[in-house]
C-alpha atoms as a PDB file:
ATOM      1  CA  MET A   1     -22.373   2.275  33.281  1.00  0.00           C
ATOM      2  CA  THR A   2     -20.071   3.548  35.877  1.00  0.00           C
ATOM      3  CA  GLU A   3     -16.400   4.799  35.205  1.00  0.00           C
ATOM      4  CA  ASN A   4     -15.230   2.196  38.045  1.00  0.00           C
ATOM      5  CA  GLN A   5     -17.578  -0.074  36.309  1.00  0.00           C
ATOM      6  CA  LEU A   6     -16.118  -0.263  32.892  1.00  0.00           C
ATOM      7  CA  GLN A   7     -12.135   0.497  34.826  1.00  0.00           C
ATOM      8  CA  GLU A   8     -13.499  -3.339  35.670  1.00  0.00           C
ATOM      9  CA  ILE A   9     -14.328  -5.012  32.450  1.00  0.00           C
ATOM     10  CA  GLN A  10     -10.403  -4.463  31.094  1.00  0.00           C
ATOM     11  CA  ARG A  11      -8.828  -5.196  33.945  1.00  0.00           C
ATOM     12  CA  LEU A  12     -10.536  -7.901  33.871  1.00  0.00           C
ATOM     13  CA  ARG A  13     -10.634  -8.596  29.890  1.00  0.00           C
ATOM     14  CA  ARG A  14      -6.516  -8.229  30.438  1.00  0.00           C
ATOM     15  CA  LEU A  15      -7.256 -11.414  32.590  1.00  0.00           C
ATOM     16  CA  GLU A  16      -9.006 -13.046  29.634  1.00  0.00           C
ATOM     17  CA  VAL A  17     -12.457 -13.177  30.936  1.00  0.00           C
ATOM     18  CA  SER A  18     -15.316 -13.880  28.878  1.00  0.00           C
ATOM     19  CA  PRO A  19     -17.562 -11.573  28.081  1.00  0.00           C
ATOM     20  CA  LYS A  20     -20.502 -13.723  30.075  1.00  0.00           C
ATOM     21  CA  MET A  21     -18.273 -14.168  33.116  1.00  0.00           C
ATOM     22  CA  ILE A  22     -17.856 -10.303  33.316  1.00  0.00           C
ATOM     23  CA  ALA A  23     -21.317  -9.651  33.271  1.00  0.00           C
ATOM     24  CA  ARG A  24     -22.545 -12.749  36.003  1.00  0.00           C
ATOM     25  CA  GLN A  25     -19.083 -10.688  38.571  1.00  0.00           C
ATOM     26  CA  LEU A  26     -20.760  -7.235  37.654  1.00  0.00           C
ATOM     27  CA  GLY A  27     -24.346  -6.973  37.449  1.00  0.00           C
ATOM     28  CA  LEU A  28     -24.496  -6.191  34.115  1.00  0.00           C
ATOM     29  CA  ARG A  29     -26.484  -8.275  31.145  1.00  0.00           C
ATOM     30  CA  PRO A  30     -23.971  -9.599  28.151  1.00  0.00           C
ATOM     31  CA  ALA A  31     -24.420  -7.267  26.016  1.00  0.00           C
ATOM     32  CA  GLU A  32     -23.882  -4.401  27.931  1.00  0.00           C
ATOM     33  CA  VAL A  33     -19.992  -5.939  28.599  1.00  0.00           C
ATOM     34  CA  SER A  34     -19.700  -6.313  25.149  1.00  0.00           C
ATOM     35  CA  GLU A  35     -20.751  -3.101  24.095  1.00  0.00           C
ATOM     36  CA  ALA A  36     -18.796  -1.804  26.310  1.00  0.00           C
ATOM     37  CA  ILE A  37     -15.389  -3.894  24.612  1.00  0.00           C
ATOM     38  CA  ARG A  38     -16.263  -2.537  21.160  1.00  0.00           C
ATOM     39  CA  LYS A  39     -16.061   1.437  22.020  1.00  0.00           C
ATOM     40  CA  GLN A  40     -13.461   0.785  24.064  1.00  0.00           C
ATOM     41  CA  ALA A  41     -11.226  -1.539  21.198  1.00  0.00           C
ATOM     42  CA  ILE A  42     -12.603   1.533  19.366  1.00  0.00           C
ATOM     43  CA  GLN A  43     -11.766   3.846  21.478  1.00  0.00           C
ATOM     44  CA  VAL A  44      -7.999   2.249  21.645  1.00  0.00           C
ATOM     45  CA  VAL A  45      -7.611   1.885  17.631  1.00  0.00           C
ATOM     46  CA  GLU A  46      -7.869   5.401  17.408  1.00  0.00           C
ATOM     47  CA  GLU A  47      -5.765   6.381  20.608  1.00  0.00           C
ATOM     48  CA  ARG A  48      -2.958   4.145  19.166  1.00  0.00           C
ATOM     49  CA  ARG A  49      -3.258   5.783  15.848  1.00  0.00           C
ATOM     50  CA  GLU A  50      -3.975   9.315  16.554  1.00  0.00           C
ATOM     51  CA  ARG A  51      -0.258   8.643  18.028  1.00  0.00           C
ATOM     52  CA  GLY A  52       0.771   7.497  14.723  1.00  0.00           C
ATOM     53  CA  GLU A  53       0.977   3.724  16.040  1.00  0.00           C
ATOM     54  CA  LEU A  54      -0.436   1.377  12.858  1.00  0.00           C
ATOM     55  CA  ASP A  55      -0.548  -3.044  14.064  1.00  0.00           C
ATOM     56  CA  PRO A  56       2.303  -5.655  13.785  1.00  0.00           C
ATOM     57  CA  VAL A  57       3.366  -5.943  10.845  1.00  0.00           C
ATOM     58  CA  HIS A  58       2.649  -9.507   9.259  1.00  0.00           C
ATOM     59  CA  GLU A  59       4.462  -8.826   6.301  1.00  0.00           C
ATOM     60  CA  CYS A  60       5.689  -6.728   4.146  1.00  0.00           C
ATOM     61  CA  LEU A  61       6.868  -7.675   0.062  1.00  0.00           C
ATOM     62  CA  VAL A  62       8.071  -6.427  -2.670  1.00  0.00           C
ATOM     63  CA  ASP A  63       8.591  -8.367  -6.746  1.00  0.00           C
ATOM     64  CA  GLU A  64      12.215  -9.163  -6.459  1.00  0.00           C
ATOM     65  CA  MET A  65      12.325  -7.667 -10.287  1.00  0.00           C
ATOM     66  CA  THR A  66      11.702  -5.000  -9.053  1.00  0.00           C
ATOM     67  CA  ALA A  67      14.079  -5.288  -5.498  1.00  0.00           C
ATOM     68  CA  ARG A  68      16.434  -5.651  -8.023  1.00  0.00           C
ATOM     69  CA  TYR A  69      16.238  -2.854  -9.766  1.00  0.00           C
ATOM     70  CA  LEU A  70      15.042  -0.286  -7.638  1.00  0.00           C
ATOM     71  CA  LEU A  71      16.687  -1.845  -4.278  1.00  0.00           C
ATOM     72  CA  ASP A  72      20.301  -4.128  -4.973  1.00  0.00           C
ATOM     73  CA  GLY A  73      20.572  -1.541  -8.200  1.00  0.00           C
ATOM     74  CA  LYS A  74      21.189  -4.290 -10.566  1.00  0.00           C
ATOM     75  CA  PRO A  75      20.140  -3.074 -14.173  1.00  0.00           C
ATOM     76  CA  MET A  76      17.011  -4.025 -15.587  1.00  0.00           C
ATOM     77  CA  GLY A  77      18.002  -7.077 -17.656  1.00  0.00           C
ATOM     78  CA  ASP A  78      14.664  -7.124 -20.378  1.00  0.00           C
ATOM     79  CA  SER A  79      12.237  -5.640 -18.131  1.00  0.00           C
ATOM     80  CA  ARG A  80       9.031  -4.541 -20.521  1.00  0.00           C
ATOM     81  CA  ASP A  81       8.101  -2.037 -17.803  1.00  0.00           C
ATOM     82  CA  GLY A  82       8.344   0.323 -14.585  1.00  0.00           C
ATOM     83  CA  LEU A  83       5.825  -1.882 -12.790  1.00  0.00           C
ATOM     84  CA  GLY A  84       6.627  -2.821  -8.870  1.00  0.00           C
ATOM     85  CA  SER A  85       3.117  -4.616  -6.681  1.00  0.00           C
ATOM     86  CA  VAL A  86       4.256  -3.845  -2.791  1.00  0.00           C
ATOM     87  CA  ILE A  87       1.778  -5.779   0.001  1.00  0.00           C
ATOM     88  CA  ILE A  88       1.772  -5.477   3.389  1.00  0.00           C
ATOM     89  CA  SER A  89      -0.251  -6.731   5.770  1.00  0.00           C
ATOM     90  CA  ARG A  90      -0.858  -6.375   9.722  1.00  0.00           C
ATOM     91  CA  VAL A  91      -2.158  -7.891  12.584  1.00  0.00           C
ATOM     92  CA  GLU A  92      -5.651  -6.922  13.546  1.00  0.00           C
ATOM     93  CA  ARG A  93      -8.056  -8.506  15.864  1.00  0.00           C
ATOM     94  CA  GLY A  94      -7.755 -12.343  15.484  1.00  0.00           C
ATOM     95  CA  LYS A  95      -7.307 -11.439  10.909  1.00  0.00           C
ATOM     96  CA  LEU A  96      -5.033  -9.148   8.421  1.00  0.00           C
ATOM     97  CA  SER A  97      -5.538  -5.700   7.847  1.00  0.00           C
ATOM     98  CA  LEU A  98      -4.067  -5.063   3.628  1.00  0.00           C
ATOM     99  CA  CYS A  99      -3.523  -2.897   2.068  1.00  0.00           C
ATOM    100  CA  THR A 100      -2.007  -3.220  -1.543  1.00  0.00           C
ATOM    101  CA  PHE A 101       0.154  -1.306  -3.996  1.00  0.00           C
ATOM    102  CA  LEU A 102       0.686  -1.202  -7.941  1.00  0.00           C
ATOM    103  CA  VAL A 103       3.913   1.715  -8.714  1.00  0.00           C
ATOM    104  CA  ASP A 104       5.022   3.216 -11.887  1.00  0.00           C
ATOM    105  CA  TYR A 105       9.003   3.878 -10.915  1.00  0.00           C
ATOM    106  CA  TRP A 106      10.104   4.742 -14.761  1.00  0.00           C
ATOM    107  CA  CYS A 107       6.779   7.776 -14.153  1.00  0.00           C
ATOM    108  CA  LEU A 108       3.506   7.406 -13.613  1.00  0.00           C
ATOM    109  CA  GLY A 109       3.863   6.380  -9.709  1.00  0.00           C
ATOM    110  CA  ILE A 110       1.072   5.267  -7.701  1.00  0.00           C
ATOM    111  CA  LYS A 111      -1.261   3.972 -10.872  1.00  0.00           C
ATOM    112  CA  ASP A 112      -3.438   1.668  -8.588  1.00  0.00           C
ATOM    113  CA  ALA A 113      -3.573   0.691  -4.358  1.00  0.00           C
ATOM    114  CA  ASP A 114      -5.554  -1.076  -2.438  1.00  0.00           C
ATOM    115  CA  GLY A 115      -7.220  -0.906   1.443  1.00  0.00           C
ATOM    116  CA  PRO A 116      -6.955  -1.204   3.679  1.00  0.00           C
ATOM    117  CA  ARG A 117      -8.840  -4.821   3.065  1.00  0.00           C
ATOM    118  CA  ARG A 118      -9.814  -6.894   5.771  1.00  0.00           C
ATOM    119  CA  VAL A 119      -8.988 -10.735   4.981  1.00  0.00           C
ATOM    120  CA  ASP A 120      -8.905 -14.154   6.855  1.00  0.00           C
ATOM    121  CA  MET A 121      -5.057 -16.198   6.460  1.00  0.00           C
ATOM    122  CA  PRO A 122      -6.405 -17.936   3.179  1.00  0.00           C
ATOM    123  CA  GLU A 123      -7.451 -15.246   1.918  1.00  0.00           C
ATOM    124  CA  TYR A 124      -4.346 -13.105   2.348  1.00  0.00           C
ATOM    125  CA  GLU A 125      -2.675 -15.756   0.573  1.00  0.00           C
ATOM    126  CA  PHE A 126      -4.804 -15.769  -2.330  1.00  0.00           C
ATOM    127  CA  ARG A 127      -4.852 -11.969  -3.272  1.00  0.00           C
ATOM    128  CA  ARG A 128      -0.638 -12.820  -2.432  1.00  0.00           C
ATOM    129  CA  ASP A 129       0.028 -14.978  -4.403  1.00  0.00           C
ATOM    130  CA  ALA A 130      -2.691 -13.746  -7.614  1.00  0.00           C
ATOM    131  CA  MET A 131      -0.288 -10.883  -7.329  1.00  0.00           C
ATOM    132  CA  TYR A 132       2.717 -11.622  -7.693  1.00  0.00           C
ATOM    133  CA  SER A 133       1.607 -14.743 -10.523  1.00  0.00           C
ATOM    134  CA  ARG A 134       2.070 -11.602 -13.308  1.00  0.00           C
ATOM    135  CA  TYR A 135       5.873 -12.408 -11.472  1.00  0.00           C
ATOM    136  CA  GLU A 136       5.741 -15.562 -11.571  1.00  0.00           C
ATOM    137  CA  GLY A 137       5.788 -15.786  -8.317  1.00  0.00           C
ATOM    138  CA  ARG A 138       8.555 -14.406  -6.699  1.00  0.00           C
ATOM    139  CA  TYR A 139       8.039 -11.833  -4.689  1.00  0.00           C
ATOM    140  CA  ARG A 140      11.013 -10.642  -1.446  1.00  0.00           C
ATOM    141  CA  HIS A 141       9.646  -9.903   1.815  1.00  0.00           C
ATOM    142  CA  ILE A 142      11.608  -6.833   2.903  1.00  0.00           C
ATOM    143  CA  THR A 143      11.094  -4.182   6.002  1.00  0.00           C
ATOM    144  CA  VAL A 144       8.782  -0.884   6.416  1.00  0.00           C
ATOM    145  CA  GLU A 145      11.085   1.761   5.717  1.00  0.00           C
ATOM    146  CA  GLN A 146      11.996   0.035   2.155  1.00  0.00           C
ATOM    147  CA  ALA A 147       8.271  -0.162   0.858  1.00  0.00           C
ATOM    148  CA  GLN A 148       8.244   3.211   2.384  1.00  0.00           C
ATOM    149  CA  ALA A 149      11.544   4.568  -0.437  1.00  0.00           C
ATOM    150  CA  ILE A 150       9.332   2.781  -2.997  1.00  0.00           C
ATOM    151  CA  VAL A 151       5.771   3.731  -2.419  1.00  0.00           C
ATOM    152  CA  TYR A 152       6.347   6.967  -1.537  1.00  0.00           C
ATOM    153  CA  GLY A 153       9.425   7.990  -3.223  1.00  0.00           C
ATOM    154  CA  ALA A 154       7.612   7.107  -7.035  1.00  0.00           C
ATOM    155  CA  LYS A 155       4.534   8.810  -5.604  1.00  0.00           C
ATOM    156  CA  GLU A 156       7.082  12.734  -5.501  1.00  0.00           C
ATOM    157  CA  TYR A 157       8.950  11.356  -8.279  1.00  0.00           C
ATOM    158  CA  ALA A 158       5.952  11.314 -10.588  1.00  0.00           C
ATOM    159  CA  ALA A 159       5.008  14.687  -9.201  1.00  0.00           C
ATOM    160  CA  THR A 160       7.973  16.280 -10.577  1.00  0.00           C
ATOM    161  CA  LEU A 161       5.916  15.559 -13.681  1.00  0.00           C
ATOM    162  CA  GLY A 162       2.843  16.861 -13.204  1.00  0.00           C
ATOM    163  CA  LEU A 163       0.901  13.787 -12.501  1.00  0.00           C
ATOM    164  CA  GLU A 164      -1.112  12.291  -9.369  1.00  0.00           C
ATOM    165  CA  PRO A 165      -1.498   9.435  -7.513  1.00  0.00           C
ATOM    166  CA  HIS A 166      -4.698   6.909  -7.623  1.00  0.00           C
ATOM    167  CA  ALA A 167      -7.280   7.735  -6.146  1.00  0.00           C
ATOM    168  CA  ASP A 168      -7.266   5.382  -3.652  1.00  0.00           C
ATOM    169  CA  ALA A 169      -3.146   6.363  -2.614  1.00  0.00           C
ATOM    170  CA  ALA A 170      -3.595   8.018   0.506  1.00  0.00           C
ATOM    171  CA  ARG A 171      -6.028   5.880   2.035  1.00  0.00           C
ATOM    172  CA  ALA A 172      -3.713   2.602   1.272  1.00  0.00           C
ATOM    173  CA  LEU A 173      -0.926   4.343   2.290  1.00  0.00           C
ATOM    174  CA  GLU A 174      -2.319   4.992   5.454  1.00  0.00           C
ATOM    175  CA  GLY A 175      -1.778   1.332   6.156  1.00  0.00           C
ATOM    176  CA  LEU A 176       1.509   2.233   5.128  1.00  0.00           C
ATOM    177  CA  GLY A 177       2.803   4.017   8.121  1.00  0.00           C
ATOM    178  CA  ARG A 178       3.269   8.222   7.388  1.00  0.00           C
ATOM    179  CA  ARG A 179       5.656   9.064   4.883  1.00  0.00           C
ATOM    180  CA  PRO A 180       9.497   9.347   7.870  1.00  0.00           C
ATOM    181  CA  GLU A 181      11.234  12.266   7.478  1.00  0.00           C
ATOM    182  CA  ALA A 182      13.587  10.842   5.224  1.00  0.00           C
ATOM    183  CA  LEU A 183      13.674   8.327   2.419  1.00  0.00           C
ATOM    184  CA  PHE A 184      16.162   5.227   1.835  1.00  0.00           C
ATOM    185  CA  SER A 185      17.605   6.798  -2.279  1.00  0.00           C
ATOM    186  CA  LEU A 186      16.008   4.920  -4.586  1.00  0.00           C
ATOM    187  CA  GLU A 187      16.746   5.959  -8.117  1.00  0.00           C
ATOM    188  CA  PHE A 188      14.292   6.602 -10.050  1.00  0.00           C
ATOM    189  CA  GLY A 189      12.860   6.632 -14.438  1.00  0.00           C
ATOM    190  CA  ARG A 190      14.309   4.573 -16.982  1.00  0.00           C
ATOM    191  CA  ALA A 191      17.963   5.510 -16.176  1.00  0.00           C
ATOM    192  CA  GLY A 192      17.580   8.477 -14.604  1.00  0.00           C
ATOM    193  CA  LYS A 193      14.482   9.605 -17.454  1.00  0.00           C
ATOM    194  CA  PRO A 194      10.781   9.392 -17.263  1.00  0.00           C
ATOM    195  CA  MET A 195       9.402   6.117 -19.118  1.00  0.00           C
ATOM    196  CA  PHE A 196       6.068   6.652 -19.118  1.00  0.00           C
ATOM    197  CA  ILE A 197       4.010   3.310 -20.299  1.00  0.00           C
ATOM    198  CA  ASN A 198       0.161   3.625 -20.747  1.00  0.00           C
ATOM    199  CA  GLY A 199      -2.238   0.683 -19.374  1.00  0.00           C
ATOM    200  CA  PRO A 200      -4.907   0.572 -20.386  1.00  0.00           C
ATOM    201  CA  HIS A 201      -6.941   2.906 -18.073  1.00  0.00           C
ATOM    202  CA  ASP A 202      -4.449   5.406 -19.337  1.00  0.00           C
ATOM    203  CA  ASN A 203      -5.511   8.249 -19.976  1.00  0.00           C
ATOM    204  CA  VAL A 204      -2.819   9.046 -22.478  1.00  0.00           C
ATOM    205  CA  ARG A 205      -3.343  12.843 -24.495  1.00  0.00           C
ATOM    206  CA  ALA A 206      -3.543  14.198 -20.829  1.00  0.00           C
ATOM    207  CA  ILE A 207      -0.575  12.287 -19.691  1.00  0.00           C
ATOM    208  CA  ARG A 208       0.894  13.315 -22.410  1.00  0.00           C
ATOM    209  CA  ALA A 209      -0.080  16.615 -22.068  1.00  0.00           C
ATOM    210  CA  LYS A 210       0.849  17.515 -18.639  1.00  0.00           C
ATOM    211  CA  LEU A 211       4.852  15.274 -19.303  1.00  0.00           C
ATOM    212  CA  ASP A 212       4.972  18.289 -22.098  1.00  0.00           C
ATOM    213  CA  LYS A 213       3.842  20.914 -20.007  1.00  0.00           C
ATOM    214  CA  ASN A 214       6.564  20.172 -16.943  1.00  0.00           C
ATOM    215  CA  LEU A 215       9.011  18.364 -18.607  1.00  0.00           C
ATOM    216  CA  GLY A 216       8.726  19.293 -22.361  1.00  0.00           C
ATOM    217  CA  ALA A 217       8.821  17.468 -25.474  1.00  0.00           C
ATOM    218  CA  GLY A 218      11.518  15.323 -26.346  1.00  0.00           C
ATOM    219  CA  ASN A 219      12.721  14.981 -22.054  1.00  0.00           C
ATOM    220  CA  TYR A 220      11.381  12.016 -21.560  1.00  0.00           C
ATOM    221  CA  GLU A 221      10.912   8.492 -22.875  1.00  0.00           C
ATOM    222  CA  SER A 222       6.783   6.953 -23.943  1.00  0.00           C
ATOM    223  CA  ILE A 223       5.781   3.580 -25.764  1.00  0.00           C
ATOM    224  CA  LEU A 224       2.055   3.759 -26.455  1.00  0.00           C
ATOM    225  CA  ILE A 225       0.693   0.428 -26.023  1.00  0.00           C
ATOM    226  CA  SER A 226      -2.779  -1.071 -27.716  1.00  0.00           C
ATOM    227  CA  ASP A 227      -4.740  -3.733 -26.757  1.00  0.00           C
ATOM    228  CA  THR A 228      -6.043  -3.255 -31.115  1.00  0.00           C
ATOM    229  CA  PHE A 229      -4.022  -2.937 -33.655  1.00  0.00           C
ATOM    230  CA  ASP A 230      -3.420   1.064 -34.078  1.00  0.00           C
ATOM    231  CA  PRO A 231      -0.943   2.781 -36.329  1.00  0.00           C
ATOM    232  CA  THR A 232       0.745   4.095 -32.892  1.00  0.00           C
ATOM    233  CA  MET A 233       1.438   1.757 -31.680  1.00  0.00           C
ATOM    234  CA  PHE A 234       4.723   1.198 -30.059  1.00  0.00           C
ATOM    235  CA  LEU A 235       5.309   5.412 -31.348  1.00  0.00           C
ATOM    236  CA  GLU A 236       8.446   6.719 -29.292  1.00  0.00           C
ATOM    237  CA  ASN A 237       8.955   9.980 -27.725  1.00  0.00           C
END
């Protein structure tokens, strides 16, 4: 296929001419045109990513509790943990590209991450509602910059404690966008002090060893929770 034919395919696609009609006009097989369109689309996406450009945002959300604490500076009240859920979805070729983050803004940073995952609207709504069910379905629409401040800020706070983010965080952060030079100033930790509350998949011994090494025993708080009875349950440091 010649360069002139490729350029003509691009021009006709911008005019929303179907691949079958393009093939007829240029004397090509429909399969050849479809393959050329596919490669051109991939090239456009790669070029945009190299420039740091991302697809348009559909929704950017955080649970209301986290929004009140981190963004509004309100007290936590009777909250039992510092876990927040952030979702960013982008419009991608007729579907949505979804990235999710479970953030421990009291201590551990990015505890879980997923995406980018291509989903249709019903699946997106199902995943969104399931994620925020632990917050009684209460979430807030926020800006990408606010989401970046929460997620990157929690990640960097945890790094100061010697803690690494979830293994899938790097890929999911691609969907959130590059870290801006300056993040909104947010206060992490509980009342400015690290508070470690373990989850069912946390290696408590390893995490506490890192906290002891980087902060010193007694310079952070912790509540240890077990799914089964344990005499050390709810031990506070």
